[in-house]
Amino acid sequence: MDLSDFYGKGYDKAAAEKRIDDLAKKFKNGENTMPEYFFSSSGRAEILGNHTDHNHGLVLVAAISCDILAAVKKTDNNVAKLYSEGYMPITVNLDDLEKKPRENGTSTALVRGVAAAIKQRNLSIGGFTAYITSNVFKGAGVSSSAAFEVLIAEIFNTLYLDGKLTAVDKAVISQYSENVYFGKPCGLLDQSGIAIGSLSKLDFLVPTEPKIEKLGSISGYTLVITNTGGDHALLTPHYAAIRSDMESVAAFFGKKVLREVGYDEFYRSIDQLMKKFDGRAILRALHFYEENERVEQAAKAIREGDYSSLISAIERSGLSSLNKLQNCFVPADLKQPVVLGIELSRRIIKDGAVRVHGGGFAGSILAVVADGEAESYMQTMKKWFGEESVFAAHIRNVGTSQMA
C-alpha cells in the first residue's frame, strides 16, 4: 500500500509503519491472532463553508493526514467489540439496535447508530473485533466523531457488503447515527469530507446527493491547525442554535432551510425580519448567503491557481464567522482562546489567512500559510499554545478506506 495516499507527501514513512506494526502487536496480544484488515479514517479541515451544510449550502473541505487507525478481524458472534487506547472497551450486540437514551453522547451510540442505519437499508451487518489508535484530536475541530462513524460504516462495508456503499452512503449513514443516536444535530460536511477524501467542493442542495468536485490540493501553502483550548463536548446547544436561527429565518418565508430562500427575497424583507427576530439570527442568515458565494470564488481560484484570491476568501470567511456567525467564543466566556489565537496569528502571518476551524466556540483555528512561513509560524504558536497543540495537516488523496 502507498501510505502517501493516506498521509500526504513528505510523511514520516518509518513512523507510519511503526504505528501500524504496534497496533497489530496489540491486537495479537489481546486476541491471540493477527488482524485481517487495517482501516484508516481521517480528520478533516474545513477550508470554507462554516455552518452552511445544515441549511443545504456549499462547502470547501479537505481530508487530512491525522487519522483513526483500526486493526480488525471479522467474527461470527454478531457483536461489535472495539478496544481504543485510553478508553473503556465498547461492546455492541448487533441483534439489539434500538436507540438507548442512556448512550447519548457516547461512542457506543455511534456504533449502534451506524449499524441501525445500515440495517434500515436492508443490508447485512455482522460481528467484528477492532483495536483502534487515533491521532485525531478529540474536541479540537477536526471531527473525531465523524472520523469514527465513517470508520465503523467502512468496516461493515468491507466485511459484509463487498464495498457496495459509496462514500456518500457512508456519510449519510454516519450523519444519521450522530443526529439520532448520539444526539448532535450536525450537517453532512464532516462525514462527507472524511468519506470522500482529497480537497473537495461540496454542494448540499440535495443533502443526500451532494454534488462533488474534487479540487486536489493547495499548492505553495501549508494547513496549520492549532488547538487553542476548550472542548466541543459541551457545546452542542450552541451549535444547535446556529442551525435553529437560520431555519427560523427560512420558516418566516415558509421554507425549511435558507437555501430555499433567494437572497434578494431575504434582503427585501430585512425590515420585516427585524420586527420578528433578534439581530443574531439575521446576521447568521447573512453569513450563510455570503459564505456560499465565497466557496464559489475559492473553488474558482483553486482551479485557476489564483491563490491570492483563495487567501482573500478564507480571510473574509473567518471575519464573517467572527462577526456574523458569532461562533468564535462562548458567550460570557472571558478566556476566548479562539479569538486570541486568531488575532495573534494575524500578527505573525505575512502570506496567508486564519479562521475559526469547524464548529467553533472553543477548540481549534485553521491557518493557511505560505510554505516558507509555516515552520516559524508553528514554532511561535507552540510557544503560546503548547507543543502538542499545533500541527501541519497534509491533504490526503483518499477517504475512509481499507489499507490494502
Protein backbone atom coordinates (compact mmCIF):
# COMPACT_ATOMS: atom_id res chain seq x y z
CA MET A 1 0.00 0.00 0.00
CA ASP A 2 1.15 3.54 -0.72
CA LEU A 3 0.89 5.28 2.63
CA SER A 4 1.34 8.69 0.98
CA ASP A 5 -2.27 8.38 -0.21
CA PHE A 6 -3.28 8.36 3.46
CA TYR A 7 -0.72 10.71 4.99
CA GLY A 8 0.25 13.10 2.19
CA LYS A 9 3.54 13.91 0.57
CA GLY A 10 6.58 14.05 2.80
CA TYR A 11 5.05 11.90 5.54
CA ASP A 12 7.29 10.07 8.02
CA LYS A 13 7.31 6.58 6.49
CA ALA A 14 9.12 4.91 9.38
CA ALA A 15 6.77 6.40 11.98
CA ALA A 16 3.66 5.44 9.98
CA GLU A 17 4.82 1.85 9.53
CA LYS A 18 5.76 1.55 13.21
CA ARG A 19 2.29 2.80 14.21
CA ILE A 20 0.68 0.08 12.10
CA ASP A 21 3.03 -2.61 13.43
CA ASP A 22 2.45 -1.55 17.04
CA LEU A 23 -1.32 -1.75 16.58
CA ALA A 24 -1.02 -5.20 15.01
CA LYS A 25 1.01 -6.37 18.03
CA LYS A 26 -1.61 -5.07 20.43
CA PHE A 27 -4.28 -6.94 18.51
CA LYS A 28 -2.20 -10.12 18.58
CA ASN A 29 -1.52 -9.80 22.30
CA GLY A 30 -5.19 -9.24 23.07
CA GLU A 31 -6.80 -11.74 20.69
CA ASN A 32 -4.07 -14.33 20.25
CA THR A 33 -4.37 -13.94 16.49
CA MET A 34 -3.39 -11.40 13.89
CA PRO A 35 -5.85 -8.84 12.44
CA GLU A 36 -7.25 -9.50 8.97
CA TYR A 37 -7.72 -5.87 7.92
CA PHE A 38 -6.42 -2.37 8.57
CA PHE A 39 -8.58 0.73 8.06
CA SER A 40 -7.84 4.47 8.13
CA SER A 41 -10.38 7.22 8.69
CA SER A 42 -9.09 10.79 8.62
CA GLY A 43 -9.78 14.05 10.31
CA ARG A 44 -10.96 16.91 8.15
CA ALA A 45 -10.13 20.55 7.57
CA GLU A 46 -12.98 22.89 6.78
CA ILE A 47 -11.47 25.46 4.45
CA LEU A 48 -14.69 27.40 3.71
CA GLY A 49 -18.39 26.90 4.27
CA ASN A 50 -18.63 27.43 8.01
CA HIS A 51 -22.06 26.23 9.21
CA THR A 52 -23.72 26.18 5.80
CA ASP A 53 -24.17 22.44 5.21
CA HIS A 54 -27.16 22.03 7.55
CA ASN A 55 -29.02 24.66 5.51
CA HIS A 56 -28.09 22.93 2.22
CA GLY A 57 -25.23 25.25 1.35
CA LEU A 58 -21.77 24.93 -0.21
CA VAL A 59 -18.51 23.94 1.49
CA LEU A 60 -14.83 23.51 0.70
CA VAL A 61 -13.42 20.65 2.80
CA ALA A 62 -10.27 18.50 2.86
CA ALA A 63 -9.50 15.09 4.31
CA ILE A 64 -6.24 15.46 6.24
CA SER A 65 -3.33 13.35 7.40
CA CYS A 66 -4.30 12.72 11.04
CA ASP A 67 -6.41 9.59 11.29
CA ILE A 68 -8.07 6.86 13.29
CA LEU A 69 -6.26 3.62 12.52
CA ALA A 70 -8.04 0.31 13.13
CA ALA A 71 -6.85 -3.30 13.11
CA VAL A 72 -9.87 -5.53 12.53
CA LYS A 73 -10.90 -9.19 12.42
CA LYS A 74 -14.30 -10.50 11.33
CA THR A 75 -16.21 -12.61 13.88
CA ASP A 76 -19.33 -14.76 13.73
CA ASN A 77 -21.00 -13.75 17.02
CA ASN A 78 -22.89 -10.67 15.76
CA VAL A 79 -21.14 -8.49 18.31
CA ALA A 80 -19.02 -5.41 17.57
CA LYS A 81 -16.13 -5.10 20.02
CA LEU A 82 -13.79 -2.13 19.95
CA TYR A 83 -10.69 -1.50 22.05
CA SER A 84 -9.34 2.04 21.88
CA GLU A 85 -6.26 3.41 23.62
CA GLY A 86 -7.20 5.33 26.75
CA TYR A 87 -10.88 4.33 26.74
CA MET A 88 -13.07 1.57 28.11
CA PRO A 89 -13.87 -1.18 25.58
CA ILE A 90 -17.09 -0.87 23.58
CA THR A 91 -19.37 -3.87 23.08
CA VAL A 92 -22.49 -3.63 20.94
CA ASN A 93 -24.87 -6.55 20.43
CA LEU A 94 -25.92 -6.16 16.81
CA ASP A 95 -29.16 -8.06 17.49
CA ASP A 96 -30.29 -5.06 19.55
CA LEU A 97 -30.16 -1.85 17.53
CA GLU A 98 -32.82 0.16 19.37
CA LYS A 99 -31.74 3.64 20.40
CA LYS A 100 -30.66 3.77 24.06
CA PRO A 101 -31.17 7.22 25.65
CA ARG A 102 -28.53 6.42 28.30
CA GLU A 103 -25.96 6.13 25.47
CA ASN A 104 -26.50 9.69 24.18
CA GLY A 105 -23.18 11.39 23.52
CA THR A 106 -21.14 8.16 23.61
CA SER A 107 -19.11 6.19 21.07
CA THR A 108 -21.34 3.19 21.81
CA ALA A 109 -24.29 5.17 20.45
CA LEU A 110 -22.35 5.92 17.27
CA VAL A 111 -21.58 2.23 16.64
CA ARG A 112 -25.18 1.20 17.30
CA GLY A 113 -26.49 4.04 15.17
CA VAL A 114 -24.32 3.18 12.16
CA ALA A 115 -25.35 -0.47 12.39
CA ALA A 116 -29.02 0.52 12.67
CA ALA A 117 -28.82 2.83 9.63
CA ILE A 118 -27.29 0.07 7.52
CA LYS A 119 -29.93 -2.44 8.62
CA GLN A 120 -32.66 0.08 7.75
CA ARG A 121 -31.38 -0.16 4.17
CA ASN A 122 -31.98 -3.92 4.30
CA LEU A 123 -28.24 -4.55 4.11
CA SER A 124 -26.13 -7.04 6.03
CA ILE A 125 -24.05 -6.39 9.11
CA GLY A 126 -22.11 -8.73 11.39
CA GLY A 127 -19.62 -9.01 14.17
CA PHE A 128 -16.03 -7.82 14.31
CA THR A 129 -13.27 -7.05 16.76
CA ALA A 130 -11.27 -3.84 16.30
CA TYR A 131 -8.27 -2.33 18.02
CA ILE A 132 -8.07 1.42 17.46
CA THR A 133 -5.48 4.13 17.82
CA SER A 134 -6.07 7.76 16.93
CA ASN A 135 -4.12 10.97 16.44
CA VAL A 136 -7.28 12.90 15.54
CA PHE A 137 -7.60 15.47 18.32
CA LYS A 138 -10.89 14.99 20.16
CA GLY A 139 -12.84 18.20 20.64
CA ALA A 140 -10.41 20.27 18.56
CA GLY A 141 -12.48 20.83 15.44
CA VAL A 142 -11.08 18.12 13.13
CA SER A 143 -14.15 15.89 13.60
CA SER A 144 -13.06 12.92 15.64
CA SER A 145 -16.67 11.73 15.98
CA ALA A 146 -17.27 11.82 12.22
CA ALA A 147 -13.99 10.00 11.58
CA PHE A 148 -15.13 7.29 14.00
CA GLU A 149 -18.61 6.98 12.48
CA VAL A 150 -17.35 6.70 8.92
CA LEU A 151 -14.74 4.16 10.07
CA ILE A 152 -17.47 1.93 11.50
CA ALA A 153 -19.50 2.26 8.30
CA GLU A 154 -16.49 1.26 6.20
CA ILE A 155 -15.71 -1.75 8.42
CA PHE A 156 -19.23 -3.07 7.85
CA ASN A 157 -18.95 -2.13 4.17
CA THR A 158 -15.78 -4.14 3.65
CA LEU A 159 -16.54 -7.11 5.88
CA TYR A 160 -20.18 -7.68 4.96
CA LEU A 161 -21.22 -5.61 1.93
CA ASP A 162 -18.46 -6.19 -0.64
CA GLY A 163 -17.84 -2.45 -0.73
CA LYS A 164 -21.25 -1.57 -2.18
CA LEU A 165 -21.69 1.55 -0.02
CA THR A 166 -20.48 4.70 -1.77
CA ALA A 167 -18.65 7.49 0.04
CA VAL A 168 -21.90 9.47 0.16
CA ASP A 169 -23.79 6.45 1.51
CA LYS A 170 -21.27 6.15 4.35
CA ALA A 171 -21.53 9.85 5.08
CA VAL A 172 -25.35 9.81 5.22
CA ILE A 173 -25.36 6.70 7.41
CA SER A 174 -22.85 8.32 9.75
CA GLN A 175 -24.76 11.58 9.95
CA TYR A 176 -27.90 9.64 10.88
CA SER A 177 -26.00 7.96 13.69
CA GLU A 178 -24.74 11.28 15.05
CA ASN A 179 -28.10 13.06 14.71
CA VAL A 180 -30.39 10.34 16.02
CA TYR A 181 -28.33 8.07 18.28
CA PHE A 182 -25.58 10.40 19.54
CA GLY A 183 -27.87 13.42 19.77
CA LYS A 184 -25.94 16.12 17.88
CA PRO A 185 -27.80 17.99 15.10
CA CYS A 186 -24.85 18.20 12.70
CA GLY A 187 -24.96 18.73 8.96
CA LEU A 188 -23.22 16.48 6.45
CA LEU A 189 -19.96 18.38 5.90
CA ASP A 190 -17.74 16.44 8.30
CA GLN A 191 -18.81 12.96 7.30
CA SER A 192 -18.74 13.78 3.58
CA GLY A 193 -15.28 15.34 3.63
CA ILE A 194 -13.88 12.35 5.51
CA ALA A 195 -15.61 9.71 3.40
CA ILE A 196 -14.77 11.33 0.04
CA GLY A 197 -11.16 12.38 0.66
CA SER A 198 -8.98 14.93 -1.16
CA LEU A 199 -9.86 18.65 -1.24
CA SER A 200 -13.43 18.90 -2.43
CA LYS A 201 -16.15 21.42 -3.13
CA LEU A 202 -19.48 20.00 -1.97
CA ASP A 203 -22.91 21.39 -2.82
CA PHE A 204 -25.64 20.19 -0.44
CA LEU A 205 -28.62 21.48 -2.43
CA VAL A 206 -29.87 17.87 -2.19
CA PRO A 207 -28.20 16.82 1.08
CA THR A 208 -28.27 13.07 0.49
CA GLU A 209 -26.86 13.53 -3.02
CA PRO A 210 -24.25 16.30 -2.73
CA LYS A 211 -22.56 17.48 -5.89
CA ILE A 212 -18.87 16.70 -5.53
CA GLU A 213 -15.98 18.42 -7.25
CA LYS A 214 -12.51 17.21 -6.27
CA LEU A 215 -10.00 20.05 -6.44
CA GLY A 216 -6.79 18.29 -5.44
CA SER A 217 -4.63 20.43 -3.18
CA ILE A 218 -3.49 23.98 -2.39
CA SER A 219 -0.04 24.42 -3.92
CA GLY A 220 2.53 26.50 -2.06
CA TYR A 221 0.62 26.67 1.21
CA THR A 222 0.54 24.58 4.39
CA LEU A 223 -2.54 23.96 6.52
CA VAL A 224 -1.72 24.50 10.19
CA ILE A 225 -4.26 23.63 12.87
CA THR A 226 -3.87 24.95 16.41
CA ASN A 227 -5.93 23.65 19.30
CA THR A 228 -6.31 26.83 21.33
CA GLY A 229 -8.03 25.08 24.22
CA GLY A 230 -11.51 24.04 25.29
CA ASP A 231 -13.57 21.05 24.25
CA HIS A 232 -16.51 20.72 21.86
CA ALA A 233 -18.16 18.07 24.01
CA LEU A 234 -20.39 20.53 25.96
CA LEU A 235 -21.15 22.90 23.13
CA THR A 236 -23.98 21.09 21.31
CA PRO A 237 -26.62 23.69 22.34
CA HIS A 238 -24.53 26.47 20.81
CA TYR A 239 -24.14 24.59 17.52
CA ALA A 240 -27.85 23.79 17.51
CA ALA A 241 -28.69 27.46 17.97
CA ILE A 242 -26.88 28.38 14.74
CA ARG A 243 -28.96 25.93 12.77
CA SER A 244 -32.11 26.99 14.62
CA ASP A 245 -31.51 30.68 13.92
CA MET A 246 -31.01 30.05 10.21
CA GLU A 247 -34.01 27.75 9.92
CA SER A 248 -36.22 30.17 11.86
CA VAL A 249 -35.48 32.84 9.27
CA ALA A 250 -36.21 30.35 6.49
CA ALA A 251 -39.52 29.47 8.18
CA PHE A 252 -40.54 33.14 8.00
CA PHE A 253 -40.62 32.64 4.22
CA GLY A 254 -42.44 29.32 4.50
CA LYS A 255 -39.29 27.31 3.77
CA LYS A 256 -37.36 24.74 5.75
CA VAL A 257 -33.79 25.92 5.06
CA LEU A 258 -32.18 29.12 3.81
CA ARG A 259 -31.02 27.55 0.53
CA GLU A 260 -34.70 27.53 -0.47
CA VAL A 261 -34.96 31.31 0.05
CA GLY A 262 -33.37 33.58 -2.54
CA TYR A 263 -31.01 36.25 -1.24
CA ASP A 264 -32.94 39.07 -2.94
CA GLU A 265 -36.17 37.98 -1.27
CA PHE A 266 -34.39 37.76 2.06
CA TYR A 267 -32.78 41.19 1.71
CA ARG A 268 -36.02 42.89 0.65
CA SER A 269 -37.60 41.60 3.86
CA ILE A 270 -34.97 42.87 6.33
CA ASP A 271 -37.38 45.44 7.82
CA GLN A 272 -39.97 42.72 8.50
CA LEU A 273 -37.34 40.32 9.83
CA MET A 274 -36.10 42.95 12.30
CA LYS A 275 -39.57 43.12 13.84
CA LYS A 276 -39.65 39.38 14.42
CA PHE A 277 -36.05 38.26 15.04
CA ASP A 278 -33.07 39.25 17.13
CA GLY A 279 -30.14 40.66 15.17
CA ARG A 280 -28.12 37.47 15.68
CA ALA A 281 -30.48 35.38 13.55
CA ILE A 282 -30.40 37.93 10.72
CA LEU A 283 -26.60 38.16 10.89
CA ARG A 284 -26.29 34.39 10.73
CA ALA A 285 -28.54 34.32 7.67
CA LEU A 286 -26.37 36.98 6.02
CA HIS A 287 -23.33 34.82 6.74
CA PHE A 288 -24.99 31.85 5.03
CA TYR A 289 -25.61 33.70 1.76
CA GLU A 290 -22.19 35.36 1.65
CA GLU A 291 -20.37 32.17 2.60
CA ASN A 292 -21.87 30.28 -0.34
CA GLU A 293 -20.52 32.98 -2.67
CA ARG A 294 -17.08 32.73 -1.06
CA VAL A 295 -16.98 28.97 -1.63
CA GLU A 296 -17.68 29.51 -5.34
CA GLN A 297 -14.97 32.17 -5.51
CA ALA A 298 -12.44 29.97 -3.69
CA ALA A 299 -13.11 26.93 -5.87
CA LYS A 300 -12.63 29.04 -8.98
CA ALA A 301 -9.39 30.42 -7.53
CA ILE A 302 -8.02 26.92 -6.90
CA ARG A 303 -8.92 25.76 -10.40
CA GLU A 304 -7.07 28.76 -11.86
CA GLY A 305 -4.14 28.66 -9.44
CA ASP A 306 -5.10 32.14 -8.18
CA TYR A 307 -4.05 31.63 -4.58
CA SER A 308 -4.18 35.30 -3.59
CA SER A 309 -7.93 35.22 -4.28
CA LEU A 310 -8.24 31.98 -2.31
CA ILE A 311 -6.45 33.51 0.67
CA SER A 312 -8.71 36.56 0.48
CA ALA A 313 -11.83 34.36 0.51
CA ILE A 314 -10.58 32.43 3.55
CA GLU A 315 -9.76 35.63 5.42
CA ARG A 316 -13.17 37.12 4.69
CA SER A 317 -14.86 33.89 5.73
CA GLY A 318 -13.05 33.97 9.05
CA LEU A 319 -14.16 37.55 9.72
CA SER A 320 -17.73 36.61 8.86
CA SER A 321 -17.64 33.70 11.32
CA LEU A 322 -16.41 36.10 14.00
CA ASN A 323 -18.79 38.98 13.32
CA LYS A 324 -21.92 37.46 11.78
CA LEU A 325 -21.99 33.76 12.66
CA GLN A 326 -20.58 34.60 16.10
CA ASN A 327 -19.08 31.18 16.81
CA CYS A 328 -15.58 32.16 17.91
CA PHE A 329 -16.28 32.20 21.63
CA VAL A 330 -18.89 31.05 24.12
CA PRO A 331 -20.97 33.97 25.39
CA ALA A 332 -19.73 35.13 28.83
CA ASP A 333 -16.50 33.13 28.50
CA LEU A 334 -13.69 35.52 29.35
CA LYS A 335 -10.89 33.21 28.16
CA GLN A 336 -11.83 33.42 24.44
CA PRO A 337 -8.91 31.24 23.25
CA VAL A 338 -10.14 31.01 19.64
CA VAL A 339 -10.34 34.78 19.19
CA LEU A 340 -6.97 35.20 20.88
CA GLY A 341 -5.40 32.59 18.60
CA ILE A 342 -6.84 34.25 15.50
CA GLU A 343 -5.69 37.74 16.46
CA LEU A 344 -2.18 36.59 17.40
CA SER A 345 -1.93 34.66 14.13
CA ARG A 346 -2.85 37.74 12.11
CA ARG A 347 0.13 39.49 13.59
CA ILE A 348 2.50 36.70 12.53
CA ILE A 349 1.30 35.61 9.11
CA LYS A 350 2.56 37.62 6.14
CA ASP A 351 1.22 35.45 3.30
CA GLY A 352 -1.83 33.50 4.33
CA ALA A 353 -5.08 33.61 6.28
CA VAL A 354 -6.51 32.35 9.56
CA ARG A 355 -10.02 31.46 10.66
CA VAL A 356 -12.01 29.53 13.25
CA HIS A 357 -11.97 25.87 12.38
CA GLY A 358 -15.09 23.73 12.35
CA GLY A 359 -17.99 24.19 14.72
CA GLY A 360 -16.27 26.86 16.74
CA PHE A 361 -16.92 28.37 20.18
CA ALA A 362 -13.85 26.54 21.52
CA GLY A 363 -11.08 24.38 20.15
CA SER A 364 -9.13 25.00 17.01
CA ILE A 365 -8.21 27.56 14.40
CA LEU A 366 -7.00 26.93 10.85
CA ALA A 367 -4.19 28.89 9.25
CA VAL A 368 -3.36 28.57 5.57
CA VAL A 369 0.25 29.75 5.50
CA ALA A 370 2.81 30.09 2.72
CA ASP A 371 5.19 27.12 2.87
CA GLY A 372 8.17 29.34 3.65
CA GLU A 373 6.46 30.75 6.74
CA ALA A 374 4.87 27.58 8.05
CA GLU A 375 7.67 26.37 10.32
CA SER A 376 8.28 29.72 12.03
CA TYR A 377 4.52 30.22 12.46
CA MET A 378 4.16 26.79 14.04
CA GLN A 379 7.06 27.36 16.42
CA THR A 380 5.58 30.62 17.66
CA MET A 381 2.12 29.11 18.12
CA LYS A 382 3.63 26.15 20.00
CA LYS A 383 5.30 28.60 22.38
CA TRP A 384 1.93 30.18 23.13
CA PHE A 385 -0.47 27.23 22.98
CA GLY A 386 1.73 24.19 23.69
CA GLU A 387 3.96 21.81 21.75
CA GLU A 388 1.21 19.21 21.30
CA SER A 389 -1.45 21.69 20.22
CA VAL A 390 -0.07 22.71 16.81
CA PHE A 391 0.33 20.52 13.75
CA ALA A 392 0.62 20.69 9.99
CA ALA A 393 -2.27 18.95 8.24
CA HIS A 394 -1.47 17.47 4.84
CA ILE A 395 -4.31 16.87 2.41
CA ARG A 396 -4.72 13.14 1.77
CA ASN A 397 -5.88 11.63 -1.50
CA VAL A 398 -8.30 9.00 -0.20
CA GLY A 399 -11.33 8.95 2.04
CA THR A 400 -12.00 6.41 4.76
CA SER A 401 -10.92 3.07 3.40
CA GLN A 402 -9.21 -0.23 3.94
CA MET A 403 -5.43 -0.03 3.77
CA ALA A 404 -4.87 -2.75 1.17
